[in-house]
N, C-alpha and C. Protein backbone atom coordinates (compact mmCIF):
# COMPACT_ATOMS: atom_id res chain seq x y z
N MET A 1 -13.67 -14.91 9.19
CA MET A 1 -14.34 -14.34 10.36
C MET A 1 -13.32 -13.70 11.30
N THR A 2 -12.15 -14.37 11.46
CA THR A 2 -11.13 -13.83 12.33
C THR A 2 -10.63 -12.49 11.80
N TYR A 3 -10.47 -12.40 10.47
CA TYR A 3 -10.03 -11.15 9.87
C TYR A 3 -11.03 -10.04 10.16
N ARG A 4 -12.30 -10.32 9.97
CA ARG A 4 -13.32 -9.29 10.19
C ARG A 4 -13.33 -8.82 11.64
N LEU A 5 -13.16 -9.76 12.58
CA LEU A 5 -13.14 -9.39 13.99
C LEU A 5 -11.92 -8.55 14.32
N LEU A 6 -10.76 -8.96 13.81
CA LEU A 6 -9.53 -8.20 14.05
C LEU A 6 -9.65 -6.80 13.46
N ARG A 7 -10.16 -6.72 12.25
CA ARG A 7 -10.31 -5.42 11.59
C ARG A 7 -11.27 -4.53 12.37
N LEU A 8 -12.35 -5.10 12.87
CA LEU A 8 -13.33 -4.32 13.63
C LEU A 8 -12.69 -3.75 14.89
N ILE A 9 -11.95 -4.57 15.61
CA ILE A 9 -11.31 -4.12 16.85
C ILE A 9 -10.29 -3.02 16.56
N LEU A 10 -9.44 -3.26 15.54
CA LEU A 10 -8.41 -2.27 15.21
C LEU A 10 -9.03 -0.98 14.69
N SER A 11 -10.12 -1.10 13.94
CA SER A 11 -10.79 0.10 13.43
C SER A 11 -11.33 0.95 14.57
N LEU A 12 -11.92 0.32 15.55
CA LEU A 12 -12.45 1.05 16.70
C LEU A 12 -11.33 1.77 17.44
N VAL A 13 -10.21 1.07 17.64
CA VAL A 13 -9.07 1.67 18.33
C VAL A 13 -8.52 2.84 17.53
N ALA A 14 -8.38 2.64 16.21
CA ALA A 14 -7.81 3.69 15.36
C ALA A 14 -8.71 4.92 15.34
N TYR A 15 -10.02 4.73 15.23
CA TYR A 15 -10.91 5.87 15.14
C TYR A 15 -11.04 6.61 16.47
N VAL A 16 -10.85 5.90 17.58
CA VAL A 16 -10.88 6.55 18.89
C VAL A 16 -9.59 7.32 19.15
N LEU A 17 -8.44 6.70 18.84
CA LEU A 17 -7.16 7.30 19.18
C LEU A 17 -6.60 8.23 18.09
N LEU A 18 -6.90 7.94 16.83
CA LEU A 18 -6.30 8.70 15.74
C LEU A 18 -7.30 9.57 14.97
N ARG A 19 -8.56 9.13 14.93
CA ARG A 19 -9.61 9.83 14.20
C ARG A 19 -9.17 10.22 12.79
N PRO A 20 -8.78 9.26 11.98
CA PRO A 20 -8.29 9.59 10.64
C PRO A 20 -9.36 10.25 9.78
N GLN A 21 -8.95 11.25 9.03
CA GLN A 21 -9.84 11.91 8.07
C GLN A 21 -9.65 11.22 6.72
N VAL A 22 -10.74 10.73 6.15
CA VAL A 22 -10.67 9.96 4.91
C VAL A 22 -11.47 10.67 3.83
N THR A 23 -10.87 10.84 2.67
CA THR A 23 -11.58 11.43 1.53
C THR A 23 -11.39 10.54 0.30
N GLY A 24 -12.35 10.60 -0.60
CA GLY A 24 -12.24 9.89 -1.87
C GLY A 24 -12.43 8.39 -1.80
N LEU A 25 -12.99 7.90 -0.71
CA LEU A 25 -13.13 6.45 -0.56
C LEU A 25 -14.01 5.84 -1.66
N HIS A 26 -14.88 6.65 -2.24
CA HIS A 26 -15.74 6.16 -3.32
C HIS A 26 -14.93 5.77 -4.56
N ASN A 27 -13.67 6.20 -4.61
CA ASN A 27 -12.82 5.84 -5.75
C ASN A 27 -12.33 4.40 -5.70
N VAL A 28 -12.48 3.76 -4.56
CA VAL A 28 -12.05 2.36 -4.42
C VAL A 28 -13.20 1.44 -4.78
N PRO A 29 -13.09 0.66 -5.85
CA PRO A 29 -14.19 -0.24 -6.23
C PRO A 29 -14.44 -1.28 -5.13
N ARG A 30 -15.70 -1.59 -4.92
CA ARG A 30 -16.06 -2.52 -3.86
C ARG A 30 -15.74 -3.97 -4.22
N ARG A 31 -15.55 -4.24 -5.50
CA ARG A 31 -15.22 -5.61 -5.93
C ARG A 31 -14.35 -5.54 -7.18
N GLY A 32 -13.71 -6.66 -7.46
CA GLY A 32 -12.86 -6.72 -8.64
C GLY A 32 -11.43 -6.32 -8.31
N PRO A 33 -10.49 -6.64 -9.18
CA PRO A 33 -9.09 -6.35 -8.93
C PRO A 33 -8.80 -4.86 -8.89
N VAL A 34 -8.00 -4.44 -7.93
CA VAL A 34 -7.60 -3.04 -7.83
C VAL A 34 -6.26 -2.96 -7.10
N ILE A 35 -5.46 -1.99 -7.51
CA ILE A 35 -4.17 -1.74 -6.86
C ILE A 35 -4.28 -0.42 -6.11
N LEU A 36 -3.94 -0.43 -4.84
CA LEU A 36 -3.89 0.80 -4.04
C LEU A 36 -2.42 1.19 -3.91
N ALA A 37 -2.02 2.26 -4.61
CA ALA A 37 -0.62 2.68 -4.64
C ALA A 37 -0.45 3.92 -3.77
N SER A 38 0.33 3.78 -2.70
CA SER A 38 0.41 4.83 -1.70
C SER A 38 1.83 5.35 -1.48
N ASN A 39 1.92 6.59 -1.01
CA ASN A 39 3.20 7.05 -0.46
C ASN A 39 3.44 6.28 0.83
N HIS A 40 4.67 6.35 1.36
CA HIS A 40 5.01 5.48 2.49
C HIS A 40 5.82 6.27 3.51
N LEU A 41 5.17 6.58 4.63
CA LEU A 41 5.79 7.41 5.65
C LEU A 41 6.12 6.65 6.94
N SER A 42 5.42 5.53 7.17
CA SER A 42 5.54 4.86 8.46
C SER A 42 5.14 3.39 8.36
N PHE A 43 5.62 2.59 9.30
CA PHE A 43 5.22 1.19 9.38
C PHE A 43 3.70 1.08 9.50
N ILE A 44 3.10 2.05 10.18
CA ILE A 44 1.67 2.00 10.47
C ILE A 44 0.81 2.15 9.21
N ASP A 45 1.42 2.56 8.09
CA ASP A 45 0.66 2.75 6.84
C ASP A 45 -0.07 1.48 6.42
N SER A 46 0.60 0.34 6.56
CA SER A 46 0.01 -0.94 6.13
C SER A 46 -1.09 -1.41 7.06
N VAL A 47 -1.27 -0.71 8.17
CA VAL A 47 -2.38 -0.99 9.08
C VAL A 47 -3.53 -0.02 8.81
N ILE A 48 -3.19 1.25 8.62
CA ILE A 48 -4.21 2.28 8.43
C ILE A 48 -5.02 2.05 7.17
N ILE A 49 -4.35 1.77 6.05
CA ILE A 49 -5.07 1.63 4.78
C ILE A 49 -6.11 0.51 4.83
N PRO A 50 -5.77 -0.72 5.29
CA PRO A 50 -6.80 -1.76 5.35
C PRO A 50 -7.94 -1.43 6.30
N LEU A 51 -7.68 -0.58 7.30
CA LEU A 51 -8.74 -0.26 8.27
C LEU A 51 -9.78 0.70 7.71
N VAL A 52 -9.38 1.54 6.75
CA VAL A 52 -10.34 2.52 6.22
C VAL A 52 -10.98 2.08 4.91
N VAL A 53 -10.42 1.04 4.29
CA VAL A 53 -10.98 0.53 3.02
C VAL A 53 -11.99 -0.59 3.33
N PRO A 54 -13.20 -0.53 2.80
CA PRO A 54 -14.23 -1.52 3.15
C PRO A 54 -14.09 -2.85 2.41
N ARG A 55 -12.86 -3.29 2.20
CA ARG A 55 -12.60 -4.61 1.64
C ARG A 55 -11.18 -4.99 2.04
N GLN A 56 -10.88 -6.27 2.02
CA GLN A 56 -9.56 -6.71 2.45
C GLN A 56 -8.50 -6.26 1.46
N VAL A 57 -7.41 -5.73 2.00
CA VAL A 57 -6.29 -5.26 1.19
C VAL A 57 -5.05 -6.07 1.57
N THR A 58 -4.43 -6.69 0.60
CA THR A 58 -3.24 -7.51 0.83
C THR A 58 -1.98 -6.69 0.56
N PHE A 59 -1.02 -6.81 1.47
CA PHE A 59 0.28 -6.17 1.30
C PHE A 59 1.37 -7.24 1.34
N ILE A 60 2.53 -6.90 0.83
CA ILE A 60 3.72 -7.71 1.01
C ILE A 60 4.35 -7.31 2.34
N ALA A 61 4.83 -8.28 3.11
CA ALA A 61 5.47 -7.99 4.39
C ALA A 61 6.76 -8.80 4.52
N LYS A 62 7.70 -8.26 5.28
CA LYS A 62 8.98 -8.96 5.48
C LYS A 62 8.75 -10.35 6.06
N ALA A 63 9.50 -11.32 5.58
CA ALA A 63 9.36 -12.69 6.05
C ALA A 63 9.61 -12.79 7.55
N GLU A 64 10.43 -11.89 8.09
CA GLU A 64 10.75 -11.93 9.52
C GLU A 64 9.51 -11.77 10.39
N TYR A 65 8.50 -11.10 9.86
CA TYR A 65 7.27 -10.92 10.65
C TYR A 65 6.52 -12.25 10.82
N PHE A 66 6.85 -13.23 10.00
CA PHE A 66 6.16 -14.52 10.03
C PHE A 66 7.00 -15.62 10.68
N THR A 67 8.25 -15.32 11.01
CA THR A 67 9.15 -16.37 11.46
C THR A 67 9.75 -16.12 12.84
N GLY A 68 9.27 -15.09 13.54
CA GLY A 68 9.82 -14.77 14.85
C GLY A 68 9.54 -15.84 15.88
N HIS A 69 10.26 -15.78 16.98
CA HIS A 69 10.12 -16.77 18.06
C HIS A 69 9.54 -16.12 19.30
N GLY A 70 9.13 -16.95 20.23
CA GLY A 70 8.57 -16.46 21.48
C GLY A 70 7.19 -15.87 21.31
N ILE A 71 6.70 -15.22 22.37
CA ILE A 71 5.36 -14.65 22.35
C ILE A 71 5.23 -13.56 21.29
N LYS A 72 6.25 -12.69 21.22
CA LYS A 72 6.22 -11.61 20.24
C LYS A 72 6.16 -12.17 18.82
N GLY A 73 6.95 -13.22 18.56
CA GLY A 73 6.97 -13.82 17.23
C GLY A 73 5.64 -14.45 16.87
N ARG A 74 5.02 -15.11 17.84
CA ARG A 74 3.72 -15.75 17.58
C ARG A 74 2.63 -14.72 17.31
N ILE A 75 2.66 -13.62 18.10
CA ILE A 75 1.67 -12.56 17.89
C ILE A 75 1.85 -11.92 16.52
N SER A 76 3.11 -11.66 16.16
CA SER A 76 3.39 -11.07 14.85
C SER A 76 2.93 -11.97 13.73
N ARG A 77 3.24 -13.26 13.83
CA ARG A 77 2.85 -14.22 12.80
C ARG A 77 1.34 -14.29 12.68
N TRP A 78 0.65 -14.34 13.82
CA TRP A 78 -0.81 -14.41 13.81
C TRP A 78 -1.40 -13.15 13.19
N PHE A 79 -0.87 -11.99 13.55
CA PHE A 79 -1.42 -10.72 13.04
C PHE A 79 -1.26 -10.63 11.53
N PHE A 80 -0.05 -10.84 11.02
CA PHE A 80 0.18 -10.66 9.59
C PHE A 80 -0.51 -11.75 8.76
N THR A 81 -0.61 -12.95 9.33
CA THR A 81 -1.31 -14.02 8.63
C THR A 81 -2.81 -13.72 8.58
N THR A 82 -3.36 -13.26 9.70
CA THR A 82 -4.78 -12.94 9.76
C THR A 82 -5.14 -11.79 8.84
N MET A 83 -4.25 -10.81 8.72
CA MET A 83 -4.50 -9.68 7.84
C MET A 83 -4.39 -10.08 6.37
N GLY A 84 -3.85 -11.28 6.11
CA GLY A 84 -3.77 -11.77 4.75
C GLY A 84 -2.55 -11.29 3.99
N HIS A 85 -1.55 -10.76 4.71
CA HIS A 85 -0.36 -10.26 4.04
C HIS A 85 0.54 -11.40 3.59
N ILE A 86 1.37 -11.13 2.59
CA ILE A 86 2.21 -12.16 1.97
C ILE A 86 3.66 -11.97 2.37
N PRO A 87 4.31 -13.01 2.91
CA PRO A 87 5.72 -12.87 3.30
C PRO A 87 6.64 -12.84 2.09
N VAL A 88 7.69 -12.03 2.18
CA VAL A 88 8.71 -12.00 1.13
C VAL A 88 10.09 -11.97 1.79
N ASP A 89 10.97 -12.81 1.31
CA ASP A 89 12.33 -12.89 1.84
C ASP A 89 13.19 -11.87 1.10
N ARG A 90 13.54 -10.79 1.78
CA ARG A 90 14.28 -9.72 1.11
C ARG A 90 15.72 -10.11 0.81
N GLY A 91 16.15 -11.24 1.36
CA GLY A 91 17.48 -11.72 1.04
C GLY A 91 17.53 -12.49 -0.27
N ASP A 92 16.37 -12.79 -0.80
CA ASP A 92 16.27 -13.50 -2.07
C ASP A 92 16.50 -12.50 -3.20
N PRO A 93 17.47 -12.75 -4.09
CA PRO A 93 17.73 -11.81 -5.18
C PRO A 93 16.53 -11.62 -6.11
N ARG A 94 15.60 -12.57 -6.10
CA ARG A 94 14.39 -12.46 -6.93
C ARG A 94 13.18 -12.01 -6.10
N ALA A 95 13.44 -11.46 -4.91
CA ALA A 95 12.34 -11.11 -4.02
C ALA A 95 11.37 -10.12 -4.66
N GLY A 96 11.92 -9.11 -5.35
CA GLY A 96 11.06 -8.12 -5.97
C GLY A 96 10.12 -8.71 -7.01
N GLN A 97 10.66 -9.56 -7.88
CA GLN A 97 9.82 -10.17 -8.91
C GLN A 97 8.84 -11.16 -8.31
N ARG A 98 9.29 -11.91 -7.29
CA ARG A 98 8.39 -12.88 -6.65
C ARG A 98 7.21 -12.16 -5.99
N SER A 99 7.48 -11.01 -5.38
CA SER A 99 6.40 -10.27 -4.72
C SER A 99 5.38 -9.78 -5.75
N LEU A 100 5.86 -9.36 -6.93
CA LEU A 100 4.94 -8.93 -7.98
C LEU A 100 4.11 -10.11 -8.49
N GLU A 101 4.74 -11.26 -8.60
CA GLU A 101 4.02 -12.45 -9.06
C GLU A 101 2.96 -12.86 -8.04
N ASP A 102 3.28 -12.75 -6.75
CA ASP A 102 2.29 -13.04 -5.70
C ASP A 102 1.14 -12.04 -5.76
N ALA A 103 1.49 -10.78 -5.99
CA ALA A 103 0.46 -9.74 -6.09
C ALA A 103 -0.45 -9.98 -7.28
N LEU A 104 0.13 -10.46 -8.37
CA LEU A 104 -0.66 -10.73 -9.57
C LEU A 104 -1.70 -11.81 -9.32
N VAL A 105 -1.35 -12.78 -8.50
CA VAL A 105 -2.31 -13.83 -8.13
C VAL A 105 -3.48 -13.22 -7.37
N VAL A 106 -3.18 -12.29 -6.46
CA VAL A 106 -4.24 -11.61 -5.70
C VAL A 106 -5.20 -10.90 -6.65
N LEU A 107 -4.64 -10.19 -7.63
CA LEU A 107 -5.46 -9.44 -8.58
C LEU A 107 -6.29 -10.37 -9.46
N LYS A 108 -5.68 -11.47 -9.91
CA LYS A 108 -6.41 -12.39 -10.78
C LYS A 108 -7.53 -13.10 -10.04
N ASN A 109 -7.44 -13.10 -8.70
CA ASN A 109 -8.53 -13.66 -7.88
C ASN A 109 -9.55 -12.59 -7.50
N GLY A 110 -9.40 -11.40 -8.11
CA GLY A 110 -10.37 -10.33 -7.85
C GLY A 110 -10.11 -9.54 -6.60
N GLY A 111 -8.88 -9.61 -6.06
CA GLY A 111 -8.59 -8.95 -4.80
C GLY A 111 -8.01 -7.56 -4.93
N ALA A 112 -7.81 -6.93 -3.77
CA ALA A 112 -7.20 -5.59 -3.69
C ALA A 112 -5.79 -5.76 -3.15
N PHE A 113 -4.84 -5.10 -3.83
CA PHE A 113 -3.44 -5.23 -3.41
C PHE A 113 -2.87 -3.85 -3.14
N GLY A 114 -2.19 -3.71 -2.01
CA GLY A 114 -1.57 -2.44 -1.64
C GLY A 114 -0.08 -2.45 -1.95
N ILE A 115 0.43 -1.36 -2.50
CA ILE A 115 1.83 -1.29 -2.88
C ILE A 115 2.36 0.11 -2.65
N TYR A 116 3.65 0.20 -2.33
CA TYR A 116 4.32 1.47 -2.16
C TYR A 116 5.31 1.65 -3.31
N PRO A 117 4.97 2.43 -4.33
CA PRO A 117 5.85 2.56 -5.50
C PRO A 117 7.24 3.08 -5.16
N GLU A 118 7.38 3.84 -4.07
CA GLU A 118 8.71 4.33 -3.70
C GLU A 118 9.64 3.20 -3.29
N GLY A 119 9.07 2.08 -2.89
CA GLY A 119 9.86 0.91 -2.54
C GLY A 119 10.16 0.78 -1.07
N THR A 120 10.23 1.87 -0.35
CA THR A 120 10.51 1.83 1.08
C THR A 120 10.00 3.10 1.72
N ARG A 121 10.04 3.14 3.05
CA ARG A 121 9.56 4.33 3.74
C ARG A 121 10.45 5.54 3.46
N SER A 122 9.82 6.69 3.35
CA SER A 122 10.57 7.93 3.16
C SER A 122 11.16 8.36 4.50
N ARG A 123 12.46 8.48 4.57
CA ARG A 123 13.12 8.88 5.81
C ARG A 123 13.27 10.40 5.93
N ASP A 124 13.04 11.11 4.84
CA ASP A 124 13.17 12.56 4.87
C ASP A 124 11.84 13.28 4.68
N GLY A 125 10.76 12.50 4.58
CA GLY A 125 9.43 13.10 4.41
C GLY A 125 9.11 13.50 3.00
N LYS A 126 10.08 13.39 2.08
CA LYS A 126 9.85 13.75 0.69
C LYS A 126 9.24 12.59 -0.08
N LEU A 127 8.62 12.91 -1.20
CA LEU A 127 8.07 11.87 -2.07
C LEU A 127 9.14 11.48 -3.09
N HIS A 128 9.56 10.24 -3.04
CA HIS A 128 10.63 9.77 -3.90
C HIS A 128 10.07 9.18 -5.20
N PRO A 129 10.88 9.12 -6.25
CA PRO A 129 10.41 8.59 -7.53
C PRO A 129 9.86 7.18 -7.40
N GLY A 130 8.85 6.88 -8.16
CA GLY A 130 8.21 5.56 -8.10
C GLY A 130 8.92 4.55 -8.98
N HIS A 131 9.02 3.33 -8.48
CA HIS A 131 9.51 2.22 -9.29
C HIS A 131 8.37 1.72 -10.17
N THR A 132 8.72 1.14 -11.29
CA THR A 132 7.69 0.78 -12.28
C THR A 132 6.98 -0.55 -12.00
N GLY A 133 7.26 -1.17 -10.86
CA GLY A 133 6.57 -2.42 -10.51
C GLY A 133 5.07 -2.24 -10.43
N VAL A 134 4.62 -1.07 -9.94
CA VAL A 134 3.17 -0.82 -9.84
C VAL A 134 2.53 -0.83 -11.22
N ALA A 135 3.23 -0.29 -12.22
CA ALA A 135 2.69 -0.27 -13.59
C ALA A 135 2.74 -1.66 -14.21
N TRP A 136 3.82 -2.40 -13.95
CA TRP A 136 3.91 -3.79 -14.45
C TRP A 136 2.71 -4.57 -13.94
N LEU A 137 2.38 -4.37 -12.68
CA LEU A 137 1.28 -5.10 -12.06
C LEU A 137 -0.06 -4.70 -12.68
N ALA A 138 -0.25 -3.39 -12.89
CA ALA A 138 -1.50 -2.91 -13.47
C ALA A 138 -1.69 -3.43 -14.89
N LEU A 139 -0.61 -3.42 -15.66
CA LEU A 139 -0.69 -3.86 -17.05
C LEU A 139 -0.87 -5.37 -17.15
N ALA A 140 -0.14 -6.12 -16.32
CA ALA A 140 -0.25 -7.58 -16.36
C ALA A 140 -1.58 -8.06 -15.80
N GLY A 141 -2.09 -7.36 -14.80
CA GLY A 141 -3.34 -7.78 -14.16
C GLY A 141 -4.57 -7.08 -14.70
N HIS A 142 -4.38 -6.16 -15.68
CA HIS A 142 -5.49 -5.39 -16.24
C HIS A 142 -6.32 -4.78 -15.11
N ALA A 143 -5.61 -4.17 -14.16
CA ALA A 143 -6.28 -3.65 -12.96
C ALA A 143 -6.08 -2.14 -12.85
N PRO A 144 -7.11 -1.40 -12.42
CA PRO A 144 -6.95 0.03 -12.20
C PRO A 144 -6.07 0.29 -10.98
N VAL A 145 -5.43 1.43 -10.99
CA VAL A 145 -4.60 1.85 -9.85
C VAL A 145 -5.28 3.03 -9.17
N VAL A 146 -5.54 2.90 -7.88
CA VAL A 146 -6.10 4.01 -7.11
C VAL A 146 -4.96 4.62 -6.30
N PRO A 147 -4.54 5.86 -6.63
CA PRO A 147 -3.48 6.51 -5.85
C PRO A 147 -3.98 6.82 -4.44
N VAL A 148 -3.10 6.67 -3.48
CA VAL A 148 -3.43 6.93 -2.07
C VAL A 148 -2.37 7.86 -1.49
N ALA A 149 -2.81 8.90 -0.81
CA ALA A 149 -1.88 9.82 -0.16
C ALA A 149 -2.14 9.82 1.34
N LEU A 150 -1.12 9.46 2.09
CA LEU A 150 -1.20 9.47 3.55
C LEU A 150 -0.52 10.71 4.08
N ARG A 151 -1.13 11.28 5.10
CA ARG A 151 -0.51 12.41 5.80
C ARG A 151 -0.57 12.14 7.30
N GLY A 152 0.51 12.44 7.98
CA GLY A 152 0.50 12.36 9.45
C GLY A 152 0.85 11.01 10.04
N THR A 153 0.94 9.96 9.24
CA THR A 153 1.27 8.65 9.83
C THR A 153 2.69 8.63 10.38
N ASP A 154 3.56 9.49 9.85
CA ASP A 154 4.91 9.58 10.39
C ASP A 154 4.92 10.21 11.78
N LYS A 155 3.84 10.89 12.14
CA LYS A 155 3.73 11.44 13.50
C LYS A 155 3.25 10.37 14.46
N VAL A 156 2.51 9.39 13.96
CA VAL A 156 2.03 8.29 14.79
C VAL A 156 3.18 7.34 15.12
N GLN A 157 3.95 6.98 14.10
CA GLN A 157 5.09 6.08 14.31
C GLN A 157 6.22 6.47 13.36
N PRO A 158 7.06 7.42 13.80
CA PRO A 158 8.18 7.83 12.95
C PRO A 158 9.13 6.66 12.69
N VAL A 159 9.89 6.76 11.63
CA VAL A 159 10.89 5.74 11.33
C VAL A 159 11.84 5.60 12.52
N GLY A 160 12.01 4.37 13.00
CA GLY A 160 12.90 4.12 14.14
C GLY A 160 12.18 4.00 15.47
N ARG A 161 10.94 4.47 15.55
CA ARG A 161 10.17 4.37 16.80
C ARG A 161 9.47 3.02 16.84
N ARG A 162 9.59 2.29 17.96
CA ARG A 162 9.05 0.94 18.04
C ARG A 162 7.55 0.92 18.29
N LEU A 163 7.04 1.87 19.08
CA LEU A 163 5.62 1.86 19.43
C LEU A 163 4.93 3.10 18.88
N PRO A 164 3.68 2.96 18.43
CA PRO A 164 2.93 4.12 17.94
C PRO A 164 2.49 5.02 19.08
N ARG A 165 2.12 6.25 18.74
CA ARG A 165 1.62 7.19 19.74
C ARG A 165 0.36 7.85 19.20
N ILE A 166 -0.39 8.49 20.07
CA ILE A 166 -1.63 9.13 19.67
C ILE A 166 -1.33 10.41 18.89
N TYR A 167 -1.94 10.52 17.71
CA TYR A 167 -1.82 11.74 16.90
C TYR A 167 -3.09 11.86 16.07
N ARG A 168 -3.87 12.88 16.35
CA ARG A 168 -5.16 13.03 15.68
C ARG A 168 -5.08 13.98 14.49
N GLY A 169 -4.15 13.68 13.61
CA GLY A 169 -4.02 14.49 12.42
C GLY A 169 -3.79 13.64 11.19
N VAL A 170 -4.07 12.34 11.30
CA VAL A 170 -3.86 11.43 10.17
C VAL A 170 -4.91 11.67 9.09
N GLN A 171 -4.46 11.72 7.85
CA GLN A 171 -5.36 11.88 6.71
C GLN A 171 -5.06 10.79 5.68
N VAL A 172 -6.13 10.28 5.08
CA VAL A 172 -6.00 9.28 4.02
C VAL A 172 -6.84 9.74 2.84
N HIS A 173 -6.17 10.03 1.73
CA HIS A 173 -6.87 10.54 0.54
C HIS A 173 -6.75 9.53 -0.60
N PHE A 174 -7.87 9.20 -1.21
CA PHE A 174 -7.91 8.27 -2.34
C PHE A 174 -8.22 9.06 -3.61
N GLY A 175 -7.34 8.94 -4.60
CA GLY A 175 -7.53 9.67 -5.84
C GLY A 175 -8.35 8.89 -6.85
N ALA A 176 -8.65 9.54 -7.96
CA ALA A 176 -9.41 8.90 -9.03
C ALA A 176 -8.61 7.73 -9.61
N PRO A 177 -9.27 6.63 -9.91
CA PRO A 177 -8.57 5.46 -10.47
C PRO A 177 -7.87 5.79 -11.78
N ILE A 178 -6.71 5.24 -11.95
CA ILE A 178 -5.94 5.37 -13.19
C ILE A 178 -5.99 4.02 -13.90
N ASN A 179 -6.63 4.01 -15.06
CA ASN A 179 -6.81 2.76 -15.78
C ASN A 179 -5.71 2.58 -16.82
N PRO A 180 -5.13 1.39 -16.92
CA PRO A 180 -4.03 1.18 -17.87
C PRO A 180 -4.50 0.95 -19.30
N THR A 181 -5.76 1.20 -19.60
CA THR A 181 -6.30 0.91 -20.93
C THR A 181 -5.51 1.55 -22.05
N ARG A 182 -5.15 2.84 -21.88
CA ARG A 182 -4.44 3.53 -22.97
C ARG A 182 -3.12 2.85 -23.28
N GLN A 183 -2.38 2.52 -22.21
CA GLN A 183 -1.08 1.89 -22.42
C GLN A 183 -1.23 0.50 -23.03
N LEU A 184 -2.34 -0.16 -22.75
CA LEU A 184 -2.57 -1.50 -23.27
C LEU A 184 -2.99 -1.49 -24.73
N THR A 185 -3.61 -0.38 -25.16
CA THR A 185 -4.19 -0.37 -26.51
C THR A 185 -3.48 0.57 -27.49
N ALA A 186 -2.57 1.39 -26.99
CA ALA A 186 -1.96 2.41 -27.86
C ALA A 186 -0.69 1.94 -28.54
N GLY A 187 -0.29 0.72 -28.32
CA GLY A 187 0.91 0.20 -28.95
C GLY A 187 2.19 0.82 -28.43
N VAL A 188 2.15 1.32 -27.19
CA VAL A 188 3.33 1.92 -26.57
C VAL A 188 4.32 0.82 -26.17
N ARG A 189 5.61 1.09 -26.34
CA ARG A 189 6.62 0.12 -25.93
C ARG A 189 6.46 -0.19 -24.45
N PRO A 190 6.64 -1.46 -24.03
CA PRO A 190 6.41 -1.85 -22.64
C PRO A 190 7.12 -0.98 -21.61
N ALA A 191 8.41 -0.73 -21.81
CA ALA A 191 9.15 0.08 -20.84
C ALA A 191 8.59 1.49 -20.75
N GLN A 192 8.25 2.06 -21.89
CA GLN A 192 7.68 3.41 -21.92
C GLN A 192 6.31 3.42 -21.24
N ALA A 193 5.51 2.38 -21.49
CA ALA A 193 4.18 2.29 -20.89
C ALA A 193 4.28 2.22 -19.37
N ARG A 194 5.22 1.42 -18.88
CA ARG A 194 5.38 1.28 -17.43
C ARG A 194 5.82 2.60 -16.80
N ARG A 195 6.77 3.29 -17.45
CA ARG A 195 7.25 4.55 -16.90
C ARG A 195 6.15 5.61 -16.91
N GLU A 196 5.41 5.67 -18.00
CA GLU A 196 4.34 6.66 -18.15
C GLU A 196 3.26 6.45 -17.10
N LEU A 197 2.84 5.21 -16.92
CA LEU A 197 1.78 4.91 -15.97
C LEU A 197 2.25 5.18 -14.54
N THR A 198 3.48 4.80 -14.23
CA THR A 198 4.02 5.05 -12.90
C THR A 198 4.08 6.54 -12.61
N ASP A 199 4.51 7.33 -13.57
CA ASP A 199 4.59 8.78 -13.38
C ASP A 199 3.20 9.39 -13.17
N GLN A 200 2.18 8.84 -13.82
CA GLN A 200 0.81 9.31 -13.59
C GLN A 200 0.40 9.06 -12.15
N VAL A 201 0.70 7.87 -11.66
CA VAL A 201 0.34 7.51 -10.29
C VAL A 201 1.06 8.42 -9.30
N MET A 202 2.36 8.61 -9.50
CA MET A 202 3.13 9.43 -8.56
C MET A 202 2.69 10.89 -8.60
N ALA A 203 2.31 11.38 -9.77
CA ALA A 203 1.84 12.77 -9.88
C ALA A 203 0.55 12.95 -9.07
N SER A 204 -0.33 11.96 -9.11
CA SER A 204 -1.57 12.04 -8.35
C SER A 204 -1.30 11.99 -6.85
N ILE A 205 -0.39 11.11 -6.44
CA ILE A 205 -0.03 11.04 -5.02
C ILE A 205 0.57 12.37 -4.56
N HIS A 206 1.41 12.95 -5.41
CA HIS A 206 2.04 14.22 -5.07
C HIS A 206 1.01 15.33 -4.88
N ARG A 207 0.03 15.39 -5.77
CA ARG A 207 -1.00 16.44 -5.65
C ARG A 207 -1.76 16.30 -4.34
N MET A 208 -2.05 15.09 -3.92
CA MET A 208 -2.85 14.88 -2.72
C MET A 208 -2.03 14.98 -1.43
N SER A 209 -0.78 14.55 -1.49
CA SER A 209 0.04 14.51 -0.27
C SER A 209 0.68 15.86 0.05
N GLY A 210 0.95 16.65 -1.00
CA GLY A 210 1.61 17.93 -0.77
C GLY A 210 3.07 17.79 -0.40
N GLN A 211 3.64 16.60 -0.54
CA GLN A 211 5.04 16.39 -0.17
C GLN A 211 5.98 17.07 -1.17
N GLU A 212 7.12 17.46 -0.66
CA GLU A 212 8.18 17.94 -1.54
C GLU A 212 8.73 16.76 -2.31
N LEU A 213 9.04 16.98 -3.58
CA LEU A 213 9.58 15.91 -4.40
C LEU A 213 11.08 15.76 -4.17
N ALA A 214 11.51 14.52 -3.97
CA ALA A 214 12.94 14.24 -3.86
C ALA A 214 13.54 14.22 -5.25
N SER A 215 14.80 14.59 -5.36
CA SER A 215 15.46 14.57 -6.66
C SER A 215 15.67 13.13 -7.10
N ARG A 216 15.63 12.89 -8.39
CA ARG A 216 15.83 11.55 -8.92
C ARG A 216 17.30 11.11 -8.77
């Protein structure tokens, strides 16, 4: 109930101040496991996507957001916990694999998981090559991947800016689901299957986002 109330309040604020334009939302299944794979322009991305999707979306978040002190720390911990995000200690050498394992649990419970295949926010505005963790997750969880392209969130909260600002040009585009069935049934080598599926996802994001591609 707390999540629904928080989401309602934030949605009202977002639609009044940002008025995001959303397309392709019908591509997101209302139930069952699904991976939302998005480009990553701003911290605010992990807030915008759950607000426009009509089901709870879990993201991985830095452990520091859950362990801060004082009023700011308590608010941060309450917000990220209420949103259902999962803490990950980036100082842990196995952090990447642990985050995928946590995400797999979400999918096996029929949930929606949000991931940024680029691995981090784009500091130059370009679309960087995708890491194959998104494909590992799709193949292991037998879950479709819905590509997501964000536009304008870097204008709301550019990298390095602490507070968001009003910008009524945010766009959120959801592409057609990419199902890992072919890779699962065609006898493709695992590494090749992961690379192929990841490239499909990134190509869809590129078509929708219009971003310049960064060199590999």
